[in-house]
Amino acid sequence: MKLELLAAQRTAAVQAFPVELPDLPLDELRARLGREQVYKLSFNENPYGPSPAAVKAVQEAAAALHRYPDSYGRALCRELAAFYRLSPEQFLLANGADEVINLVAMAFLDPGDEVLIPSPTFGSYAAAAHLAGAVPVPVPLTDYRIDLEKVAAAVTEKTKLIFICNPNNPTGTAFPAPELLPFLRRLPERVLVAVDEAYNEYTDDPAKYTAVPLINAEPHLLVIRTFSKIYGLAAARVGYLIADAGLVARVHRVRPPFNAGVLGQAAALAAFRDRAYVETMQKYNREQRQWLTEQLTTCGWRVIPSQSNFLLVDTGEDSREVYHYLVEQGIIVRPGHGFNLPNCLRITVGRPEENMALVGALMSKNTSKS
């Protein structure tokens, strides 16, 4: 009976994946809205798609679909290790960054442990804490930014794990990795810090913002990465953990044996090797992010400075009216209510034609108002 009660408590605070409009696949959005032309700017996907090399690798790997994948993804881990100048034993592949987050929680948290989470941020951190029987403790941002001093001050005897999203979702704000050092050295040795760098490659200087070079000097640091964003492999579901080999070995104990599939591993390896494509995606995003920031600012909105492939905009009023208006125009963005930011919209930086359609719709709305 106690086990049943504990299981119920763990899942009570966790919601199933939503089926609201911003979360629907593009085909279903077209059907729901009765429009062929729909711009989906709600998921922070790479609008240009994956590298052609990744597509070719998937096509070639499809012939081996009758075989189980390498459980440890050795080829990809060796490639990652060489790039980051670490050992392959410091890497672990998973079914997207979401599974990495869940595995970290399962491996290191006990019921009653506290997990500090700067908030608002990515919802999977709190969900993973709940599923492990731990207690998520939100630490409010300061002017849309993670405040490491505030996080450190929130540590208690029950604190076991801290999740930090850098750049942060949904705000897009980021801090240089060296700022982590004094923060990490203030923490008790029992406290682990998991830094989610899903959007690192979109920053103006990825080397400046990544905590990976700190891993060997800070054994209680874990870094979470994904191929879902700049590499354009969201459907392939490949994320990875980088940490001290001992910590990685503990996470392997709770990892399903074939969680990263054949096609995903092949696509990720080819995409990672195509550095020219990554650099092109960085350039496109940087240019369009700047343009979109300027245009949205002319709408009278506050645009939070972003180091990612999305923008958080403060409309100065409840954002639902603007959100529903954009839906009518076939443009889907993310309303901020789910992040407890009711005046905000989170908008993915799209292709030029998508961004122009968004700005054009907003300009038309403003003109009709005046």
Protein backbone atom coordinates (compact mmCIF):
# COMPACT_ATOMS: atom_id res chain seq x y z
CA MET A 1 0.00 0.00 0.00
CA LYS A 2 2.84 2.38 0.83
CA LEU A 3 4.46 1.68 -2.53
CA GLU A 4 1.19 2.44 -4.34
CA LEU A 5 0.83 5.69 -2.41
CA LEU A 6 4.40 6.68 -3.20
CA ALA A 7 3.87 5.96 -6.91
CA ALA A 8 0.69 8.03 -6.92
CA GLN A 9 2.47 10.93 -5.24
CA ARG A 10 5.29 10.82 -7.80
CA THR A 11 2.97 11.01 -10.80
CA ALA A 12 0.32 13.35 -9.35
CA ALA A 13 2.32 16.49 -10.13
CA VAL A 14 3.38 15.33 -13.61
CA GLN A 15 1.26 16.07 -16.66
CA ALA A 16 1.09 14.03 -19.86
CA PHE A 17 2.52 15.69 -22.95
CA PRO A 18 0.01 18.36 -23.97
CA VAL A 19 -2.14 18.29 -27.09
CA GLU A 20 -2.60 22.04 -27.26
CA LEU A 21 -2.18 23.85 -30.55
CA PRO A 22 1.52 24.82 -30.19
CA ASP A 23 2.40 21.18 -29.49
CA LEU A 24 0.76 19.60 -32.56
CA PRO A 25 2.64 18.27 -35.60
CA LEU A 26 2.60 20.49 -38.66
CA ASP A 27 0.23 18.24 -40.65
CA GLU A 28 -2.30 18.27 -37.84
CA LEU A 29 -1.99 22.04 -37.49
CA ARG A 30 -2.84 22.41 -41.18
CA ALA A 31 -5.88 20.15 -40.75
CA ARG A 32 -7.07 21.91 -37.57
CA LEU A 33 -6.72 25.38 -39.03
CA GLY A 34 -7.88 24.47 -42.54
CA ARG A 35 -4.81 26.15 -44.01
CA GLU A 36 -2.11 24.77 -46.24
CA GLN A 37 0.36 27.48 -45.22
CA VAL A 38 1.10 27.26 -41.50
CA TYR A 39 4.23 28.58 -39.81
CA LYS A 40 5.11 26.69 -36.66
CA LEU A 41 7.32 28.86 -34.47
CA SER A 42 6.53 27.18 -31.14
CA PHE A 43 8.99 24.27 -30.84
CA ASN A 44 12.45 25.87 -31.28
CA GLU A 45 13.23 23.49 -34.12
CA ASN A 46 15.85 24.12 -36.79
CA PRO A 47 13.62 25.39 -39.62
CA TYR A 48 16.21 24.50 -42.28
CA GLY A 49 16.28 20.80 -41.48
CA PRO A 50 19.26 18.47 -41.02
CA SER A 51 22.51 18.28 -42.91
CA PRO A 52 22.19 16.40 -46.23
CA ALA A 53 24.96 14.17 -44.89
CA ALA A 54 22.69 13.14 -42.01
CA VAL A 55 19.83 12.34 -44.38
CA LYS A 56 22.14 10.19 -46.50
CA ALA A 57 23.44 8.40 -43.39
CA VAL A 58 19.88 7.54 -42.34
CA GLN A 59 19.08 6.17 -45.77
CA GLU A 60 22.16 3.96 -45.70
CA ALA A 61 21.58 2.81 -42.11
CA ALA A 62 17.98 1.84 -42.86
CA ALA A 63 19.19 -1.42 -44.40
CA ALA A 64 20.28 -2.53 -40.90
CA LEU A 65 16.93 -1.93 -39.18
CA HIS A 66 16.65 -5.62 -38.36
CA ARG A 67 19.71 -5.34 -36.08
CA TYR A 68 19.82 -3.85 -32.61
CA PRO A 69 22.01 -0.75 -32.32
CA ASP A 70 25.27 -0.55 -30.42
CA SER A 71 23.91 -0.05 -26.90
CA TYR A 72 26.74 2.30 -25.97
CA GLY A 73 26.90 4.16 -29.28
CA ARG A 74 30.67 3.76 -29.32
CA ALA A 75 31.32 5.33 -32.72
CA LEU A 76 29.44 8.51 -31.82
CA CYS A 77 30.90 8.66 -28.32
CA ARG A 78 34.44 8.37 -29.74
CA GLU A 79 33.71 11.21 -32.14
CA LEU A 80 32.32 13.40 -29.37
CA ALA A 81 35.23 12.55 -27.08
CA ALA A 82 37.79 13.52 -29.70
CA PHE A 83 36.05 16.84 -30.32
CA TYR A 84 35.75 17.75 -26.63
CA ARG A 85 39.16 16.25 -25.72
CA LEU A 86 37.68 13.87 -23.16
CA SER A 87 37.45 10.10 -22.93
CA PRO A 88 34.60 8.11 -24.53
CA GLU A 89 33.73 6.78 -21.04
CA GLN A 90 32.62 10.30 -20.14
CA PHE A 91 29.75 10.19 -22.65
CA LEU A 92 26.33 8.53 -22.55
CA LEU A 93 23.75 8.55 -25.33
CA ALA A 94 20.02 8.76 -24.74
CA ASN A 95 16.66 9.16 -26.42
CA GLY A 96 16.92 12.94 -26.57
CA ALA A 97 17.95 15.33 -23.82
CA ASP A 98 14.63 14.62 -22.09
CA GLU A 99 15.72 11.06 -21.36
CA VAL A 100 19.11 12.25 -20.13
CA ILE A 101 17.30 14.48 -17.62
CA ASN A 102 15.15 11.57 -16.43
CA LEU A 103 18.12 9.22 -16.19
CA VAL A 104 20.12 11.71 -14.11
CA ALA A 105 17.19 12.07 -11.72
CA MET A 106 16.74 8.29 -11.46
CA ALA A 107 20.44 7.67 -10.90
CA PHE A 108 21.11 10.26 -8.21
CA LEU A 109 17.89 11.25 -6.43
CA ASP A 110 16.21 9.61 -3.47
CA PRO A 111 12.70 10.34 -2.18
CA GLY A 112 12.68 13.58 -0.21
CA ASP A 113 15.79 15.05 -1.85
CA GLU A 114 15.50 18.64 -3.01
CA VAL A 115 16.24 19.73 -6.57
CA LEU A 116 16.91 23.42 -7.17
CA ILE A 117 15.54 24.72 -10.47
CA PRO A 118 15.91 28.35 -11.59
CA SER A 119 12.44 29.21 -12.86
CA PRO A 120 10.79 29.70 -15.26
CA THR A 121 12.67 27.12 -17.28
CA PHE A 122 12.27 23.84 -19.15
CA GLY A 123 9.51 21.82 -17.48
CA SER A 124 11.22 18.43 -17.75
CA TYR A 125 13.48 19.18 -14.77
CA ALA A 126 10.60 19.41 -12.29
CA ALA A 127 8.87 16.42 -13.87
CA ALA A 128 12.00 14.28 -13.53
CA ALA A 129 12.38 15.31 -9.89
CA HIS A 130 8.79 14.35 -9.13
CA LEU A 131 9.15 10.96 -10.82
CA ALA A 132 12.19 10.25 -8.66
CA GLY A 133 10.21 11.12 -5.54
CA ALA A 134 12.26 14.28 -5.00
CA VAL A 135 11.04 17.80 -4.34
CA PRO A 136 11.60 20.46 -7.02
CA VAL A 137 12.40 23.85 -5.47
CA PRO A 138 11.99 26.79 -7.88
CA VAL A 139 14.44 29.66 -7.61
CA PRO A 140 13.06 32.82 -9.31
CA LEU A 141 15.05 34.43 -12.10
CA THR A 142 16.27 38.00 -11.77
CA ASP A 143 15.11 40.11 -14.72
CA TYR A 144 14.71 37.00 -16.88
CA ARG A 145 18.22 35.77 -16.01
CA ILE A 146 19.46 32.89 -13.87
CA ASP A 147 20.88 34.34 -10.66
CA LEU A 148 23.61 31.98 -9.47
CA GLU A 149 23.95 33.86 -6.16
CA LYS A 150 20.27 33.31 -5.50
CA VAL A 151 20.56 29.63 -6.42
CA ALA A 152 23.53 29.12 -4.10
CA ALA A 153 21.65 30.81 -1.27
CA ALA A 154 18.75 28.38 -1.73
CA VAL A 155 20.89 25.28 -1.03
CA THR A 156 19.82 23.36 2.08
CA GLU A 157 20.86 20.12 3.75
CA LYS A 158 18.32 18.34 1.54
CA THR A 159 19.64 19.71 -1.76
CA LYS A 160 21.01 16.92 -3.95
CA LEU A 161 20.81 18.23 -7.51
CA ILE A 162 20.61 21.56 -9.35
CA PHE A 163 19.37 21.85 -12.93
CA ILE A 164 20.56 24.88 -14.88
CA CYS A 165 19.51 25.60 -18.46
CA ASN A 166 22.13 27.72 -20.24
CA PRO A 167 20.94 29.35 -22.49
CA ASN A 168 17.72 29.24 -20.54
CA ASN A 169 14.44 28.14 -22.07
CA PRO A 170 12.12 30.14 -22.34
CA THR A 171 14.08 33.35 -21.76
CA GLY A 172 17.02 32.77 -24.14
CA THR A 173 19.38 34.44 -21.66
CA ALA A 174 22.79 32.92 -20.95
CA PHE A 175 25.85 33.43 -18.79
CA PRO A 176 29.50 32.68 -19.66
CA ALA A 177 30.64 29.33 -18.30
CA PRO A 178 33.48 30.77 -16.14
CA GLU A 179 30.77 32.28 -13.92
CA LEU A 180 29.96 28.72 -12.87
CA LEU A 181 33.32 28.18 -11.18
CA PRO A 182 32.84 30.26 -8.01
CA PHE A 183 29.28 28.96 -7.83
CA LEU A 184 30.35 25.31 -8.06
CA ARG A 185 33.05 25.75 -5.44
CA ARG A 186 30.56 27.15 -2.94
CA LEU A 187 28.43 24.00 -3.07
CA PRO A 188 28.72 20.98 -0.77
CA GLU A 189 30.36 18.00 -2.46
CA ARG A 190 27.13 16.00 -2.32
CA VAL A 191 25.34 18.47 -4.63
CA LEU A 192 25.41 17.70 -8.34
CA VAL A 193 24.92 20.40 -10.96
CA ALA A 194 23.44 19.42 -14.33
CA VAL A 195 23.85 22.13 -16.96
CA ASP A 196 21.55 21.72 -19.95
CA GLU A 197 23.26 23.18 -23.03
CA ALA A 198 20.66 22.24 -25.64
CA TYR A 199 21.00 25.65 -27.29
CA ASN A 200 24.74 26.19 -26.83
CA GLU A 201 25.58 26.03 -30.52
CA TYR A 202 23.24 28.95 -31.14
CA THR A 203 25.14 31.31 -28.84
CA ASP A 204 27.38 34.01 -30.26
CA ASP A 205 30.40 32.13 -28.89
CA PRO A 206 29.70 28.46 -28.03
CA ALA A 207 33.17 27.99 -26.49
CA LYS A 208 32.54 30.88 -24.12
CA TYR A 209 29.21 29.52 -22.88
CA THR A 210 29.91 25.80 -22.53
CA ALA A 211 30.77 24.19 -19.20
CA VAL A 212 32.34 21.12 -20.84
CA PRO A 213 35.96 22.31 -20.25
CA LEU A 214 35.21 22.45 -16.51
CA ILE A 215 34.17 18.82 -16.19
CA ASN A 216 37.52 17.24 -15.31
CA ALA A 217 38.20 19.89 -12.67
CA GLU A 218 34.66 19.79 -11.23
CA PRO A 219 33.65 16.15 -10.66
CA HIS A 220 30.11 17.02 -9.52
CA LEU A 221 29.30 18.78 -12.82
CA LEU A 222 27.22 17.16 -15.57
CA VAL A 223 26.51 18.65 -18.99
CA ILE A 224 23.50 17.73 -21.12
CA ARG A 225 23.54 18.17 -24.90
CA THR A 226 21.22 17.29 -27.78
CA PHE A 227 21.15 16.82 -31.54
CA SER A 228 17.54 18.10 -31.67
CA LYS A 229 18.29 21.80 -32.10
CA ILE A 230 20.99 23.19 -34.38
CA TYR A 231 21.67 19.75 -35.92
CA GLY A 232 18.02 19.54 -37.02
CA LEU A 233 17.49 15.99 -35.72
CA ALA A 234 14.55 16.51 -33.37
CA ALA A 235 12.75 13.46 -34.78
CA ALA A 236 15.84 11.25 -34.43
CA ARG A 237 15.85 11.62 -30.62
CA VAL A 238 19.54 11.67 -29.71
CA GLY A 239 20.80 13.46 -26.64
CA TYR A 240 23.93 12.89 -24.62
CA LEU A 241 25.44 13.34 -21.18
CA ILE A 242 29.01 14.46 -20.52
CA ALA A 243 30.44 14.01 -17.02
CA ASP A 244 33.06 12.34 -14.88
CA ALA A 245 33.35 8.70 -15.96
CA GLY A 246 32.24 7.54 -12.52
CA LEU A 247 29.03 9.56 -12.72
CA VAL A 248 28.39 8.35 -16.26
CA ALA A 249 28.82 4.75 -15.11
CA ARG A 250 26.12 5.29 -12.47
CA VAL A 251 23.71 6.67 -15.05
CA HIS A 252 24.36 3.64 -17.30
CA ARG A 253 22.90 1.47 -14.53
CA VAL A 254 19.44 2.99 -15.03
CA ARG A 255 19.65 3.41 -18.82
CA PRO A 256 17.63 1.11 -21.09
CA PRO A 257 20.07 -0.88 -23.22
CA PHE A 258 18.95 0.27 -26.70
CA ASN A 259 17.66 3.77 -26.01
CA ALA A 260 19.46 5.47 -28.93
CA GLY A 261 18.42 3.81 -32.18
CA VAL A 262 20.37 2.87 -35.28
CA LEU A 263 19.00 5.69 -37.42
CA GLY A 264 19.49 8.31 -34.72
CA GLN A 265 23.10 7.31 -34.09
CA ALA A 266 23.90 7.33 -37.80
CA ALA A 267 22.26 10.71 -38.33
CA ALA A 268 23.93 12.26 -35.29
CA LEU A 269 27.40 11.05 -36.29
CA ALA A 270 27.07 12.42 -39.81
CA ALA A 271 25.54 15.70 -38.62
CA PHE A 272 28.25 16.23 -36.02
CA ARG A 273 30.97 15.73 -38.61
CA ASP A 274 29.42 18.30 -40.95
CA ARG A 275 30.90 21.35 -39.21
CA ALA A 276 30.33 23.56 -42.26
CA TYR A 277 26.59 22.94 -42.03
CA VAL A 278 26.58 23.82 -38.33
CA GLU A 279 28.41 27.06 -39.06
CA THR A 280 25.86 27.91 -41.75
CA MET A 281 23.00 27.31 -39.31
CA GLN A 282 24.71 29.55 -36.76
CA LYS A 283 25.04 32.33 -39.33
CA TYR A 284 21.43 32.07 -40.50
CA ASN A 285 20.10 32.08 -36.96
CA ARG A 286 22.29 34.97 -35.83
CA GLU A 287 21.18 37.14 -38.76
CA GLN A 288 17.48 36.34 -38.43
CA ARG A 289 17.51 36.63 -34.63
CA GLN A 290 18.93 40.14 -34.92
CA TRP A 291 16.44 41.15 -37.62
CA LEU A 292 13.49 39.72 -35.71
CA THR A 293 14.62 41.39 -32.48
CA GLU A 294 14.70 44.77 -34.23
CA GLN A 295 11.31 44.28 -35.85
CA LEU A 296 9.56 43.09 -32.69
CA THR A 297 11.03 46.00 -30.77
CA THR A 298 9.35 48.37 -33.23
CA CYS A 299 6.05 46.78 -32.20
CA GLY A 300 6.59 48.32 -28.79
CA TRP A 301 7.50 45.06 -27.13
CA ARG A 302 10.41 44.33 -24.86
CA VAL A 303 12.55 41.64 -26.47
CA ILE A 304 14.71 39.79 -23.97
CA PRO A 305 18.29 39.58 -25.32
CA SER A 306 18.67 36.02 -26.59
CA GLN A 307 21.59 33.64 -27.10
CA SER A 308 19.37 30.93 -28.57
CA ASN A 309 17.17 30.26 -31.60
CA PHE A 310 14.09 31.81 -30.04
CA LEU A 311 13.01 35.11 -28.55
CA LEU A 312 10.99 35.84 -25.44
CA VAL A 313 8.97 39.00 -25.93
CA ASP A 314 7.09 40.87 -23.22
CA THR A 315 3.98 42.35 -24.83
CA GLY A 316 3.13 44.47 -21.78
CA GLU A 317 -0.31 42.87 -21.47
CA ASP A 318 -1.93 39.44 -21.45
CA SER A 319 -0.42 37.78 -24.51
CA ARG A 320 -3.38 35.54 -25.34
CA GLU A 321 -5.02 38.09 -27.62
CA VAL A 322 -1.90 38.36 -29.77
CA TYR A 323 -1.41 34.59 -29.68
CA HIS A 324 -4.96 33.89 -30.92
CA TYR A 325 -4.66 36.58 -33.57
CA LEU A 326 -1.49 34.96 -34.90
CA VAL A 327 -3.19 31.55 -34.92
CA GLU A 328 -5.87 33.04 -37.18
CA GLN A 329 -3.06 34.08 -39.53
CA GLY A 330 -1.62 30.55 -39.52
CA ILE A 331 1.33 31.48 -37.30
CA ILE A 332 1.86 29.37 -34.19
CA VAL A 333 3.99 30.71 -31.35
CA ARG A 334 4.22 29.72 -27.67
CA PRO A 335 2.13 31.71 -25.18
CA GLY A 336 3.92 32.39 -21.91
CA HIS A 337 1.15 31.26 -19.57
CA GLY A 338 2.64 27.79 -19.19
CA PHE A 339 5.84 29.40 -17.94
CA ASN A 340 3.95 31.71 -15.57
CA LEU A 341 4.81 34.58 -17.90
CA PRO A 342 1.30 35.61 -18.99
CA ASN A 343 2.44 38.79 -20.76
CA CYS A 344 5.03 36.98 -22.87
CA LEU A 345 5.31 35.02 -26.08
CA ARG A 346 8.16 32.69 -26.96
CA ILE A 347 8.86 32.83 -30.68
CA THR A 348 11.18 30.50 -32.57
CA VAL A 349 13.50 32.21 -35.03
CA GLY A 350 12.32 30.82 -38.35
CA ARG A 351 13.29 31.12 -41.99
CA PRO A 352 13.22 34.66 -43.44
CA GLU A 353 9.81 34.10 -45.03
CA GLU A 354 8.38 32.83 -41.72
CA ASN A 355 9.79 35.75 -39.77
CA MET A 356 8.51 38.24 -42.37
CA ALA A 357 5.04 36.66 -42.21
CA LEU A 358 5.06 37.02 -38.43
CA VAL A 359 6.17 40.66 -38.50
CA GLY A 360 3.76 41.47 -41.33
CA ALA A 361 0.84 40.04 -39.36
CA LEU A 362 1.81 42.03 -36.28
CA MET A 363 2.21 45.24 -38.27
CA SER A 364 -1.25 44.72 -39.78
CA LYS A 365 -2.70 44.20 -36.33
CA ASN A 366 -1.08 47.37 -35.03
CA THR A 367 -2.28 49.35 -38.07
CA SER A 368 -5.87 48.18 -37.60
CA LYS A 369 -5.70 49.27 -33.96
CA SER A 370 -4.60 52.81 -34.75
